[in-house]
Each structure stands twice: as structure tokens, then as C-alpha cells.
Amino acid sequence: MAKLRIISEFIEFLMSNKKWWLLPIAIALLVLGALLILTQGSAIAPFIYTLF
């Protein structure tokens, strides 16, 4: 439940402060983090690490 609260507070922050430009940055960081976690032990990992 704490994770949902953090997400709702972040969305509330974006709405109240009109900082919608932060949303694509947050989504990109989440996607990259998920990609690194999901490919941590796979054979694809060396190819992903060469991109960065």
C-alpha cells in the first residue's frame, strides 16, 4: 500500500505544481530500471550493458 501512496502523491505533486515535464522522465527511468532488473541474469544482459 505504501507504493500506491507514493505514486498518488507524485501525481498530486505534478498536478498542483504544473510540472508535467517530469512525467516522461519518471516513466523512462522506470522502464530502464525494469529492463535492468528483468535482464539481470539472462543472456541478453551483455548486449544491454553495451548500450549504456
C-alpha atoms as a PDB file:
ATOM      1  CA  MET A   1       0.000   0.000   0.000  1.00  0.00           C
ATOM      2  CA  ALA A   2       2.892   2.375   0.598  1.00  0.00           C
ATOM      3  CA  LYS A   3       3.928   2.156  -3.056  1.00  0.00           C
ATOM      4  CA  LEU A   4       0.481   3.234  -4.198  1.00  0.00           C
ATOM      5  CA  ARG A   5       0.603   6.160  -1.803  1.00  0.00           C
ATOM      6  CA  ILE A   6       3.937   7.312  -3.223  1.00  0.00           C
ATOM      7  CA  ILE A   7       2.554   7.136  -6.760  1.00  0.00           C
ATOM      8  CA  SER A   8      -0.573   9.070  -5.818  1.00  0.00           C
ATOM      9  CA  GLU A   9       1.496  11.716  -4.017  1.00  0.00           C
ATOM     10  CA  PHE A  10       3.731  12.071  -7.079  1.00  0.00           C
ATOM     11  CA  ILE A  11       0.709  12.548  -9.344  1.00  0.00           C
ATOM     12  CA  GLU A  12      -0.763  15.050  -6.903  1.00  0.00           C
ATOM     13  CA  PHE A  13       2.559  16.934  -6.899  1.00  0.00           C
ATOM     14  CA  LEU A  14       2.560  17.045 -10.710  1.00  0.00           C
ATOM     15  CA  MET A  15      -0.988  18.382 -10.785  1.00  0.00           C
ATOM     16  CA  SER A  16      -0.552  21.011  -8.095  1.00  0.00           C
ATOM     17  CA  ASN A  17       2.797  22.367  -9.310  1.00  0.00           C
ATOM     18  CA  LYS A  18       2.153  22.004 -13.063  1.00  0.00           C
ATOM     19  CA  LYS A  19       5.361  20.046 -13.571  1.00  0.00           C
ATOM     20  CA  TRP A  20       4.123  17.675 -16.273  1.00  0.00           C
ATOM     21  CA  TRP A  21       7.564  17.615 -17.903  1.00  0.00           C
ATOM     22  CA  LEU A  22       8.727  15.337 -15.057  1.00  0.00           C
ATOM     23  CA  LEU A  23       6.339  12.560 -16.085  1.00  0.00           C
ATOM     24  CA  PRO A  24       8.249  11.355 -19.204  1.00  0.00           C
ATOM     25  CA  ILE A  25      11.493  11.394 -17.225  1.00  0.00           C
ATOM     26  CA  ALA A  26       9.961   9.281 -14.450  1.00  0.00           C
ATOM     27  CA  ILE A  27       8.476   6.826 -16.953  1.00  0.00           C
ATOM     28  CA  ALA A  28      11.803   6.474 -18.783  1.00  0.00           C
ATOM     29  CA  LEU A  29      13.623   5.800 -15.509  1.00  0.00           C
ATOM     30  CA  LEU A  30      11.048   3.183 -14.518  1.00  0.00           C
ATOM     31  CA  VAL A  31      11.324   1.434 -17.896  1.00  0.00           C
ATOM     32  CA  LEU A  32      15.124   1.396 -17.778  1.00  0.00           C
ATOM     33  CA  GLY A  33      15.094   0.111 -14.210  1.00  0.00           C
ATOM     34  CA  ALA A  34      12.643  -2.648 -15.081  1.00  0.00           C
ATOM     35  CA  LEU A  35      14.747  -3.588 -18.103  1.00  0.00           C
ATOM     36  CA  LEU A  36      17.869  -3.898 -15.989  1.00  0.00           C
ATOM     37  CA  ILE A  37      16.090  -5.952 -13.323  1.00  0.00           C
ATOM     38  CA  LEU A  38      14.406  -8.303 -15.790  1.00  0.00           C
ATOM     39  CA  THR A  39      17.566  -8.996 -17.785  1.00  0.00           C
ATOM     40  CA  GLN A  40      19.932  -9.266 -14.840  1.00  0.00           C
ATOM     41  CA  GLY A  41      20.565 -12.982 -15.149  1.00  0.00           C
ATOM     42  CA  SER A  42      19.834 -13.570 -18.800  1.00  0.00           C
ATOM     43  CA  ALA A  43      21.993 -13.941 -21.882  1.00  0.00           C
ATOM     44  CA  ILE A  44      20.746 -10.575 -23.164  1.00  0.00           C
ATOM     45  CA  ALA A  45      22.394  -8.638 -20.326  1.00  0.00           C
ATOM     46  CA  PRO A  46      25.821  -8.110 -22.002  1.00  0.00           C
ATOM     47  CA  PHE A  47      24.130  -6.573 -25.042  1.00  0.00           C
ATOM     48  CA  ILE A  48      22.035  -4.194 -22.939  1.00  0.00           C
ATOM     49  CA  TYR A  49      25.042  -3.042 -20.905  1.00  0.00           C
ATOM     50  CA  THR A  50      26.869  -2.087 -24.085  1.00  0.00           C
ATOM     51  CA  LEU A  51      24.097   0.411 -24.860  1.00  0.00           C
ATOM     52  CA  PHE A  52      24.907   2.397 -21.751  1.00  0.00           C
END
